[in-house]
């Protein structure tokens, strides 16, 4: 239950109790006046009880209210101190959580930066793949143009030397294209290898600084730029080879026209025509052999390229699988590290809570000890004060004893005195009550909760506290105080 709610309930109960005590006092005063007259008439040794005036009761109420307010302020200040301590602990835990969140945010930023760098590298690879596709299309276009040129060469009756020079030019262009393709494939392999190295560095980037990550990104960008420039160079070479083929095509067209003119002149000479026919037949046979060999070579090249493509695809899939496995392991490692940090933080927080709870228990135990000492001290003070005012009647026997109940109000003022167990001798009992009245006000505890039977931690040490006291009087001693 909240301390302020306990204080409110205590305040309401105290008001009700004070009203009841006030009514009892008024009723008791009226009865005491009547009883005192009877006792005075019947017993000349009777000692009348002291009548409490309304002003004294009002002063007692005011004193009790001021004490209750002061104690409420003291309890509020202690509660505020405890709340401040709890707030400090909560702020420390919150600060630790903020630091952990900042570290996690920084790690996420580094990971995002690495992912962006990987995306940039992938975009560059995609661009290189597109350039490779363009080169393949250019090569196919060149192949079509070569086929058209071969068809035109079959239609021409050119000289063997001219045909061989054309074939050598075409072979040189083809070798140049093949060399360009091989160079490009090597560059792709180098780029893939570089990308694998970059992926490996990305897996270890959690332990590296952001500056190292930036340098690696710049290095990857520079390598990609070099690869792109190399690809552009190869494209330029391919375009140059295409221009050479076009120039050769133009020369072949010019030579074709010259050949047609030559044939027209050859028609006028039968011998030359016969020789030309024989030569043409031999050339056609040679071309057929050359075409057959070229077709066989083309098929072999196509088979080789298909095998290379299959190997490259298998290698790409293996590389993707390796990267996925590396990424899974890195994610697993990151989650394990996060779990370890969370467990460490929970253990640290539990230890802090345990220490705080232990400190709070020590403070409460110390307060309980102080309250117990205060209760014992006040009981001893009341015993001592009553003993100083106790006068045993002369002539009383040594074996007399009585038990007196005292009801007090805040401030130690006596509300009523009642004999619980009589000694059998009226004078002895009246002397005990007189000693109690002479000791007014009794030194009850100043703190309201102690006076009402509670300690600072709201535990009850006696249901009535110092509001109801019981004194034992005997002929040989002044008496011993106990709480009922």
Protein backbone atom coordinates (compact mmCIF):
# COMPACT_ATOMS: atom_id res chain seq x y z
CA UNK A 1 0.00 0.00 0.00
CA UNK A 2 1.23 3.55 -0.75
CA UNK A 3 2.76 5.53 2.20
CA UNK A 4 0.51 8.57 1.52
CA UNK A 5 -2.57 6.31 1.67
CA UNK A 6 -1.42 4.86 4.98
CA UNK A 7 -0.86 8.36 6.33
CA UNK A 8 -4.35 9.43 5.22
CA UNK A 9 -5.99 6.42 6.87
CA UNK A 10 -3.98 6.99 10.04
CA UNK A 11 -5.08 10.63 10.07
CA UNK A 12 -8.77 9.71 9.69
CA UNK A 13 -8.52 7.02 12.38
CA UNK A 14 -6.75 9.41 14.73
CA UNK A 15 -9.53 12.03 14.29
CA UNK A 16 -12.20 9.42 15.05
CA UNK A 17 -10.21 8.14 18.02
CA UNK A 18 -9.70 11.66 19.39
CA UNK A 19 -13.43 12.37 19.13
CA UNK A 20 -14.20 9.16 20.98
CA UNK A 21 -11.60 9.93 23.65
CA UNK A 22 -12.98 13.45 24.05
CA UNK A 23 -16.49 12.06 24.56
CA UNK A 24 -15.17 9.48 27.02
CA UNK A 25 -13.30 12.18 28.94
CA UNK A 26 -16.41 14.30 29.24
CA UNK A 27 -18.43 11.29 30.32
CA UNK A 28 -15.68 10.21 32.69
CA UNK A 29 -15.44 13.69 34.26
CA UNK A 30 -19.17 13.74 34.99
CA UNK A 31 -18.99 10.28 36.53
CA UNK A 32 -15.82 11.12 38.44
CA UNK A 33 -17.49 14.11 40.05
CA UNK A 34 -20.35 11.91 41.17
CA UNK A 35 -18.05 9.13 42.32
CA UNK A 36 -15.69 11.52 44.09
CA UNK A 37 -18.55 12.88 46.16
CA UNK A 38 -19.54 9.38 47.14
CA UNK A 39 -15.95 8.33 47.85
CA UNK A 40 -15.32 11.47 49.92
CA UNK A 41 -18.39 10.87 52.00
CA UNK A 42 -17.69 7.20 52.52
CA UNK A 43 -13.85 7.15 52.67
CA UNK A 44 -11.90 10.02 54.17
CA UNK A 45 -8.60 8.53 52.86
CA UNK A 46 -9.72 8.64 49.21
CA UNK A 47 -7.43 10.67 46.92
CA UNK A 48 -9.51 12.30 44.16
CA UNK A 49 -8.33 11.97 40.59
CA UNK A 50 -7.15 15.12 38.92
CA UNK A 51 -9.77 16.58 36.53
CA UNK A 52 -8.42 17.46 33.05
CA UNK A 53 -9.67 20.79 31.75
CA UNK A 54 -10.86 21.34 28.16
CA UNK A 55 -7.89 23.65 27.52
CA UNK A 56 -5.43 20.94 28.46
CA UNK A 57 -7.21 18.50 26.16
CA UNK A 58 -7.22 21.05 23.35
CA UNK A 59 -3.50 21.73 23.88
CA UNK A 60 -2.89 18.00 23.84
CA UNK A 61 -4.79 17.70 20.55
CA UNK A 62 -2.82 20.60 19.05
CA UNK A 63 0.46 19.11 20.26
CA UNK A 64 -0.56 15.76 18.82
CA UNK A 65 -1.49 17.34 15.47
CA UNK A 66 1.83 19.18 15.24
CA UNK A 67 3.73 16.02 16.13
CA UNK A 68 1.73 14.02 13.61
CA UNK A 69 2.45 16.62 10.87
CA UNK A 70 6.16 16.65 11.75
CA UNK A 71 6.28 12.86 11.67
CA UNK A 72 4.36 12.82 8.39
CA UNK A 73 6.91 15.25 6.93
CA UNK A 74 9.75 13.10 8.22
CA UNK A 75 8.18 9.99 6.71
CA UNK A 76 7.58 11.88 3.45
CA UNK A 77 11.22 13.02 3.38
CA UNK A 78 12.42 9.45 4.01
CA UNK A 79 10.06 8.18 1.29
CA UNK A 80 11.33 10.91 -1.07
CA UNK A 81 14.93 9.87 -0.31
CA UNK A 82 14.08 6.25 -1.09
CA UNK A 83 12.29 7.29 -4.28
CA UNK A 84 15.30 9.42 -5.28
CA UNK A 85 17.55 6.43 -4.74
CA UNK A 86 15.23 4.25 -6.84
CA UNK A 87 15.13 7.00 -9.51
CA UNK A 88 18.93 7.10 -9.57
CA UNK A 89 19.04 3.35 -10.03
CA UNK A 90 16.39 3.60 -12.76
CA UNK A 91 18.33 6.42 -14.46
CA UNK A 92 21.53 4.38 -14.31
CA UNK A 93 19.73 1.39 -15.87
CA UNK A 94 18.18 3.69 -18.50
CA UNK A 95 21.60 5.23 -19.27
CA UNK A 96 23.06 1.74 -19.69
CA UNK A 97 20.19 0.81 -22.00
CA UNK A 98 20.75 4.01 -24.03
CA UNK A 99 24.46 3.24 -24.37
CA UNK A 100 23.68 -0.30 -25.50
CA UNK A 101 21.09 1.03 -27.98
CA UNK A 102 23.68 3.54 -29.30
CA UNK A 103 26.23 0.74 -29.78
CA UNK A 104 23.65 -1.40 -31.57
CA UNK A 105 22.64 1.57 -33.75
CA UNK A 106 26.30 2.21 -34.63
CA UNK A 107 26.76 -1.47 -35.51
CA UNK A 108 23.62 -1.41 -37.65
CA UNK A 109 24.89 1.73 -39.42
CA UNK A 110 28.18 0.00 -40.24
CA UNK A 111 26.30 -3.06 -41.50
CA UNK A 112 24.03 -0.86 -43.63
CA UNK A 113 27.08 0.87 -45.07
CA UNK A 114 28.61 -2.49 -45.93
CA UNK A 115 25.35 -3.62 -47.52
CA UNK A 116 25.28 -0.44 -49.61
CA UNK A 117 28.85 -1.09 -50.71
CA UNK A 118 27.91 -4.65 -51.66
CA UNK A 119 24.91 -3.35 -53.59
CA UNK A 120 27.20 -0.91 -55.40
CA UNK A 121 29.57 -3.75 -56.29
CA UNK A 122 26.65 -5.86 -57.51
CA UNK A 123 25.42 -2.97 -59.65
CA UNK A 124 28.88 -2.65 -61.15
CA UNK A 125 28.92 -6.37 -61.84
CA UNK A 126 25.50 -6.08 -63.45
CA UNK A 127 26.84 -3.26 -65.62
CA UNK A 128 29.79 -5.42 -66.64
CA UNK A 129 27.40 -8.27 -67.41
CA UNK A 130 25.38 -5.91 -69.60
CA UNK A 131 28.54 -4.83 -71.37
CA UNK A 132 29.42 -8.51 -71.86
CA UNK A 133 25.98 -9.07 -73.37
CA UNK A 134 26.54 -6.14 -75.72
CA UNK A 135 29.88 -7.64 -76.74
CA UNK A 136 28.16 -10.98 -77.36
CA UNK A 137 25.56 -9.26 -79.53
CA UNK A 138 28.32 -7.43 -81.40
CA UNK A 139 30.12 -10.73 -81.89
CA UNK A 140 26.93 -12.32 -83.22
CA UNK A 141 26.47 -9.39 -85.59
CA UNK A 142 30.04 -9.79 -86.75
CA UNK A 143 29.47 -13.53 -87.20
CA UNK A 144 26.43 -12.78 -89.38
CA UNK A 145 28.42 -10.30 -91.38
CA UNK A 146 31.18 -12.89 -91.81
CA UNK A 147 28.65 -15.40 -93.09
CA UNK A 148 27.34 -12.82 -95.56
CA UNK A 149 30.89 -12.07 -96.63
CA UNK A 150 31.59 -15.77 -97.11
CA UNK A 151 28.43 -16.07 -99.24
CA UNK A 152 29.61 -13.15 -101.34
CA UNK A 153 33.09 -14.69 -101.60
CA UNK A 154 31.51 -17.98 -102.82
CA UNK A 155 29.74 -16.00 -105.55
CA UNK A 156 32.98 -14.30 -106.58
CA UNK A 157 35.61 -15.89 -108.74
CA UNK A 158 38.51 -14.23 -107.09
CA UNK A 159 42.10 -15.17 -107.16
CA UNK A 160 43.46 -17.66 -104.66
CA UNK A 161 45.82 -15.10 -103.23
CA UNK A 162 43.03 -12.54 -102.70
CA UNK A 163 40.77 -15.18 -101.07
CA UNK A 164 43.58 -16.28 -98.77
CA UNK A 165 44.27 -12.67 -97.77
CA UNK A 166 40.58 -12.18 -97.01
CA UNK A 167 40.52 -15.36 -94.93
CA UNK A 168 43.66 -14.26 -93.10
CA UNK A 169 42.02 -10.89 -92.37
CA UNK A 170 38.87 -12.61 -91.12
CA UNK A 171 40.93 -15.05 -89.06
CA UNK A 172 42.86 -12.12 -87.57
CA UNK A 173 39.59 -10.34 -86.71
CA UNK A 174 38.21 -13.53 -85.20
CA UNK A 175 41.40 -14.05 -83.17
CA UNK A 176 41.16 -10.46 -82.01
CA UNK A 177 37.56 -10.99 -80.93
CA UNK A 178 38.39 -14.29 -79.24
CA UNK A 179 41.31 -12.63 -77.47
CA UNK A 180 39.05 -9.77 -76.38
CA UNK A 181 36.49 -12.25 -75.06
CA UNK A 182 39.17 -14.22 -73.21
CA UNK A 183 40.51 -11.00 -71.67
CA UNK A 184 37.01 -10.02 -70.62
CA UNK A 185 36.38 -13.43 -69.05
CA UNK A 186 39.66 -13.16 -67.17
CA UNK A 187 38.61 -9.76 -65.90
CA UNK A 188 35.27 -11.20 -64.81
CA UNK A 189 37.05 -13.97 -62.92
CA UNK A 190 39.33 -11.44 -61.27
CA UNK A 191 36.34 -9.30 -60.38
CA UNK A 192 34.50 -12.32 -58.92
CA UNK A 193 37.58 -13.18 -56.90
CA UNK A 194 37.79 -9.59 -55.68
CA UNK A 195 34.10 -9.69 -54.78
CA UNK A 196 34.68 -12.87 -52.76
CA UNK A 197 37.51 -11.14 -50.91
CA UNK A 198 35.24 -8.17 -50.26
CA UNK A 199 32.53 -10.50 -48.89
CA UNK A 200 35.09 -12.10 -46.58
CA UNK A 201 36.17 -8.68 -45.35
CA UNK A 202 32.51 -7.74 -44.84
CA UNK A 203 32.07 -10.73 -42.50
CA UNK A 204 34.89 -9.39 -40.28
CA UNK A 205 33.92 -5.73 -40.50
CA UNK A 206 32.27 -5.80 -37.02
CA UNK A 207 35.77 -5.72 -35.48
CA UNK A 208 37.14 -3.06 -37.83
CA UNK A 209 36.75 0.67 -37.79
CA UNK A 210 34.49 2.68 -40.04
CA UNK A 211 37.55 4.23 -41.69
CA UNK A 212 38.82 0.78 -42.76
CA UNK A 213 35.38 -0.01 -44.21
CA UNK A 214 35.44 3.23 -46.18
CA UNK A 215 38.93 2.47 -47.51
CA UNK A 216 37.84 -1.00 -48.63
CA UNK A 217 34.81 0.52 -50.33
CA UNK A 218 37.01 3.03 -52.14
CA UNK A 219 39.40 0.23 -53.17
CA UNK A 220 36.48 -1.85 -54.49
CA UNK A 221 35.16 1.18 -56.37
CA UNK A 222 38.60 1.84 -57.87
CA UNK A 223 38.96 -1.81 -58.98
CA UNK A 224 35.48 -1.75 -60.46
CA UNK A 225 36.35 1.48 -62.31
CA UNK A 226 39.50 -0.13 -63.66
CA UNK A 227 37.47 -3.16 -64.80
CA UNK A 228 34.93 -0.88 -66.41
CA UNK A 229 37.67 1.01 -68.25
CA UNK A 230 39.18 -2.31 -69.38
CA UNK A 231 35.75 -3.39 -70.64
CA UNK A 232 35.39 -0.10 -72.52
CA UNK A 233 38.82 -0.67 -74.02
CA UNK A 234 37.77 -4.11 -75.18
CA UNK A 235 34.59 -2.64 -76.64
CA UNK A 236 36.68 -0.13 -78.56
CA UNK A 237 38.86 -2.97 -79.86
CA UNK A 238 35.76 -4.87 -80.95
CA UNK A 239 34.42 -1.78 -82.73
CA UNK A 240 37.80 -1.33 -84.44
CA UNK A 241 37.66 -4.95 -85.59
CA UNK A 242 34.10 -4.33 -86.87
CA UNK A 243 35.33 -1.33 -88.83
CA UNK A 244 38.11 -3.42 -90.30
CA UNK A 245 35.60 -6.04 -91.38
CA UNK A 246 33.46 -3.34 -92.98
CA UNK A 247 36.52 -1.96 -94.81
CA UNK A 248 37.38 -5.43 -96.03
CA UNK A 249 33.78 -5.86 -97.15
CA UNK A 250 34.03 -2.65 -99.11
CA UNK A 251 37.29 -3.78 -100.70
CA UNK A 252 35.69 -7.14 -101.50
CA UNK A 253 32.83 -5.33 -103.25
CA UNK A 254 35.27 -3.28 -105.28
CA UNK A 255 37.21 -6.40 -106.17
CA UNK A 256 33.95 -8.15 -107.07
CA UNK A 257 33.17 -5.42 -109.57
CA UNK A 258 36.66 -5.66 -110.99
CA UNK A 259 36.24 -9.44 -111.22
CA UNK A 260 33.01 -9.03 -113.13
CA UNK A 261 34.80 -6.77 -115.53
CA UNK A 262 37.57 -9.31 -115.85
CA UNK A 263 35.06 -12.08 -116.57
CA UNK A 264 33.52 -9.93 -119.29
CA UNK A 265 36.93 -9.64 -120.91
CA UNK A 266 37.53 -13.40 -120.40
CA UNK A 267 34.40 -14.26 -122.32
CA UNK A 268 35.98 -12.92 -125.44
CA UNK A 269 38.79 -15.39 -125.11
CA UNK A 270 37.77 -19.06 -125.08
CA UNK A 271 41.07 -20.30 -123.86
CA UNK A 272 41.01 -17.94 -120.97
CA UNK A 273 37.44 -19.01 -120.21
CA UNK A 274 38.42 -22.66 -120.17
CA UNK A 275 41.31 -22.01 -117.90
CA UNK A 276 39.07 -19.81 -115.72
CA UNK A 277 36.45 -22.59 -115.49
CA UNK A 278 39.02 -25.15 -114.49
CA UNK A 279 40.47 -22.80 -111.96
CA UNK A 280 36.98 -21.96 -110.64
CA UNK A 281 36.14 -25.62 -110.14
CA UNK A 282 39.32 -26.19 -108.21
CA UNK A 283 38.59 -23.11 -106.14
CA UNK A 284 35.06 -24.27 -105.40
CA UNK A 285 36.38 -27.59 -104.20
CA UNK A 286 38.86 -25.78 -102.01
CA UNK A 287 36.11 -23.56 -100.62
CA UNK A 288 33.90 -26.55 -99.92
CA UNK A 289 36.71 -28.14 -97.95
CA UNK A 290 37.36 -24.88 -96.18
CA UNK A 291 33.64 -24.46 -95.38
CA UNK A 292 33.45 -27.99 -94.03
CA UNK A 293 36.47 -27.41 -91.84
CA UNK A 294 35.05 -24.04 -90.69
CA UNK A 295 31.74 -25.70 -89.77
CA UNK A 296 33.55 -28.39 -87.79
CA UNK A 297 35.55 -25.70 -86.03
CA UNK A 298 32.40 -23.69 -85.34
CA UNK A 299 30.71 -26.71 -83.79
CA UNK A 300 33.79 -27.43 -81.67
CA UNK A 301 33.89 -23.78 -80.57
CA UNK A 302 30.18 -23.85 -79.71
CA UNK A 303 30.66 -27.03 -77.68
CA UNK A 304 33.66 -25.51 -75.89
CA UNK A 305 31.73 -22.31 -75.12
CA UNK A 306 28.75 -24.28 -73.80
CA UNK A 307 31.06 -26.26 -71.52
CA UNK A 308 32.74 -23.05 -70.33
CA UNK A 309 29.34 -21.47 -69.71
CA UNK A 310 28.22 -24.52 -67.73
CA UNK A 311 31.37 -24.41 -65.61
CA UNK A 312 30.96 -20.66 -65.05
CA UNK A 313 27.33 -21.18 -64.00
CA UNK A 314 28.33 -23.95 -61.60
CA UNK A 315 31.07 -21.77 -60.20
CA UNK A 316 28.64 -18.84 -59.78
CA UNK A 317 26.14 -21.02 -57.93
CA UNK A 318 28.90 -22.38 -55.68
CA UNK A 319 30.03 -18.83 -54.95
CA UNK A 320 26.47 -17.74 -54.14
CA UNK A 321 26.07 -20.74 -51.83
CA UNK A 322 29.36 -19.89 -50.11
CA UNK A 323 28.30 -16.27 -49.66
CA UNK A 324 24.90 -17.31 -48.28
CA UNK A 325 26.62 -19.68 -45.83
CA UNK A 326 29.05 -16.94 -44.76
CA UNK A 327 26.16 -14.52 -44.29
CA UNK A 328 24.23 -17.11 -42.23
CA UNK A 329 27.24 -17.73 -40.00
CA UNK A 330 27.79 -13.99 -39.54
CA UNK A 331 24.11 -13.53 -38.62
CA UNK A 332 24.28 -16.46 -36.20
CA UNK A 333 27.39 -15.00 -34.61
CA UNK A 334 25.74 -11.57 -34.32
CA UNK A 335 22.63 -13.04 -32.67
CA UNK A 336 24.77 -15.07 -30.25
CA UNK A 337 26.73 -11.94 -29.33
CA UNK A 338 23.51 -9.96 -28.84
CA UNK A 339 22.11 -12.77 -26.65
CA UNK A 340 25.31 -12.82 -24.60
CA UNK A 341 25.18 -9.05 -24.11
CA UNK A 342 21.50 -9.22 -23.12
CA UNK A 343 22.26 -11.97 -20.57
CA UNK A 344 25.16 -9.94 -19.16
CA UNK A 345 22.95 -6.86 -18.93
CA UNK A 346 20.20 -8.86 -17.18
CA UNK A 347 22.74 -10.27 -14.71
CA UNK A 348 24.14 -6.79 -14.06
CA UNK A 349 20.65 -5.38 -13.53
CA UNK A 350 19.69 -8.27 -11.22
CA UNK A 351 22.86 -7.68 -9.18
CA UNK A 352 22.09 -3.96 -8.94
CA UNK A 353 18.52 -4.72 -7.83
CA UNK A 354 19.82 -7.22 -5.28
CA UNK A 355 22.27 -4.66 -3.87
CA UNK A 356 19.55 -1.98 -3.76
CA UNK A 357 17.14 -4.38 -2.02
CA UNK A 358 19.83 -5.37 0.47
CA UNK A 359 20.59 -1.71 1.22
CA UNK A 360 16.86 -1.03 1.66
CA UNK A 361 16.51 -4.03 4.01
CA UNK A 362 19.53 -2.81 6.00
CA UNK A 363 18.00 0.66 6.29
CA UNK A 364 14.64 -0.79 7.38
CA UNK A 365 16.33 -3.12 9.89
CA UNK A 366 18.34 -0.20 11.30
CA UNK A 367 15.13 1.84 11.64
CA UNK A 368 13.38 -1.06 13.37
CA UNK A 369 16.30 -1.35 15.79
CA UNK A 370 16.10 2.40 16.50
CA UNK A 371 12.33 2.12 17.05
CA UNK A 372 12.77 -0.81 19.47
CA UNK A 373 15.40 1.12 21.44
CA UNK A 374 13.09 4.13 21.59
CA UNK A 375 10.18 1.97 22.81
CA UNK A 376 12.32 0.40 25.57
CA UNK A 377 13.74 3.81 26.55
CA UNK A 378 10.27 5.39 26.87
CA UNK A 379 8.98 2.43 28.89
CA UNK A 380 11.96 2.75 31.25
CA UNK A 381 11.38 6.52 31.56
CA UNK A 382 7.69 6.01 32.48
CA UNK A 383 8.66 3.35 35.06
CA UNK A 384 11.27 5.67 36.53
CA UNK A 385 8.94 8.68 36.70
CA UNK A 386 6.12 6.72 38.33
CA UNK A 387 8.54 5.17 40.81
CA UNK A 388 9.74 8.63 41.87
CA UNK A 389 6.13 9.64 42.62
CA UNK A 390 5.11 6.35 44.32
CA UNK A 391 4.53 6.59 48.07
CA UNK A 392 3.54 3.31 49.71
CA UNK A 393 0.94 3.88 52.40
CA UNK A 394 2.26 3.44 55.91
CA UNK A 395 1.09 0.41 57.72
CA UNK A 396 0.44 -1.58 54.53
CA UNK A 397 1.52 -5.17 54.59
CA UNK A 398 4.50 -6.33 52.51
CA UNK A 399 2.55 -8.76 50.39
CA UNK A 400 0.14 -6.25 48.81
CA UNK A 401 0.06 -5.70 45.04
CA UNK A 402 -2.31 -4.24 42.45
CA UNK A 403 -2.51 -3.79 38.70
CA UNK A 404 -3.49 -0.40 37.19
CA UNK A 405 -4.57 0.34 33.59
CA UNK A 406 -3.71 3.78 32.19
CA UNK A 407 -5.30 5.21 29.05
CA UNK A 408 -3.37 8.14 27.62
CA UNK A 409 -3.91 10.72 24.92
CA UNK A 410 -1.24 12.27 22.65
CA UNK A 411 1.31 14.24 24.63
CA UNK A 412 1.32 11.76 27.50
CA UNK A 413 -1.72 13.19 29.24
CA UNK A 414 -3.82 10.73 31.22
CA UNK A 415 -7.33 10.09 29.95
CA UNK A 416 -8.36 7.56 32.54
CA UNK A 417 -6.94 5.31 35.26
CA UNK A 418 -8.60 1.99 36.13
CA UNK A 419 -7.80 -0.76 38.63
CA UNK A 420 -7.57 -4.07 36.85
CA UNK A 421 -6.60 -6.13 39.87
CA UNK A 422 -7.10 -4.65 43.33
CA UNK A 423 -4.79 -5.24 46.29
CA UNK A 424 -7.80 -5.59 48.61
CA UNK A 425 -6.85 -2.37 50.40
CA UNK A 426 -8.40 0.85 49.07
CA UNK A 427 -5.62 3.07 50.36
CA UNK A 428 -2.95 1.04 48.57
CA UNK A 429 -4.87 1.21 45.24
CA UNK A 430 -5.52 4.95 45.59
CA UNK A 431 -1.83 5.59 46.37
CA UNK A 432 -0.90 3.78 43.13
CA UNK A 433 -3.38 5.89 41.11
CA UNK A 434 -2.11 9.06 42.76
CA UNK A 435 1.48 8.22 41.77
CA UNK A 436 0.30 7.86 38.16
CA UNK A 437 -1.53 11.22 38.19
CA UNK A 438 1.50 12.94 39.72
CA UNK A 439 3.62 11.62 36.82
CA UNK A 440 1.44 13.38 34.21
CA UNK A 441 2.37 14.02 31.44
CA UNK A 442 3.93 10.63 30.92
CA UNK A 443 7.05 10.52 28.64
CA UNK A 444 5.40 8.69 25.75
CA UNK A 445 7.18 8.51 22.32
CA UNK A 446 7.16 11.70 20.27
CA UNK A 447 6.65 9.83 17.02
CA UNK A 448 2.98 9.17 16.35
CA UNK A 449 3.43 5.73 14.83
CA UNK A 450 5.41 4.55 17.88
CA UNK A 451 2.76 5.98 20.19
CA UNK A 452 0.02 4.14 18.27
CA UNK A 453 1.80 0.77 18.38
CA UNK A 454 3.54 0.71 14.99
CA UNK A 455 7.13 0.87 13.81
CA UNK A 456 8.44 2.92 10.85
CA UNK A 457 7.90 -0.04 8.50
CA UNK A 458 4.19 -0.20 9.54
CA UNK A 459 4.68 -3.44 11.48
CA UNK A 460 2.61 -3.61 14.73
CA UNK A 461 4.53 -4.26 17.94
CA UNK A 462 1.38 -3.77 20.14
CA UNK A 463 -2.25 -3.22 19.12
CA UNK A 464 -2.68 -0.26 21.58
CA UNK A 465 0.89 0.95 21.85
CA UNK A 466 1.34 3.62 24.54
CA UNK A 467 -2.32 4.53 24.44
CA UNK A 468 -3.05 1.75 27.01
CA UNK A 469 -0.44 1.01 29.72
CA UNK A 470 -0.58 -1.46 32.62
CA UNK A 471 1.44 -0.95 35.84
CA UNK A 472 1.99 -3.56 38.56
CA UNK A 473 2.48 -2.09 42.08
CA UNK A 474 3.74 -4.07 45.09
CA UNK A 475 4.66 -3.20 48.64
CA UNK A 476 8.37 -3.83 48.13
CA UNK A 477 8.81 -2.06 44.75
CA UNK A 478 7.27 0.77 42.80
CA UNK A 479 6.01 -1.49 40.03
CA UNK A 480 6.93 -2.71 36.61
CA UNK A 481 5.42 -1.25 33.39
CA UNK A 482 4.18 -3.43 30.57
CA UNK A 483 2.12 -2.77 27.44
CA UNK A 484 -1.17 -4.62 27.17
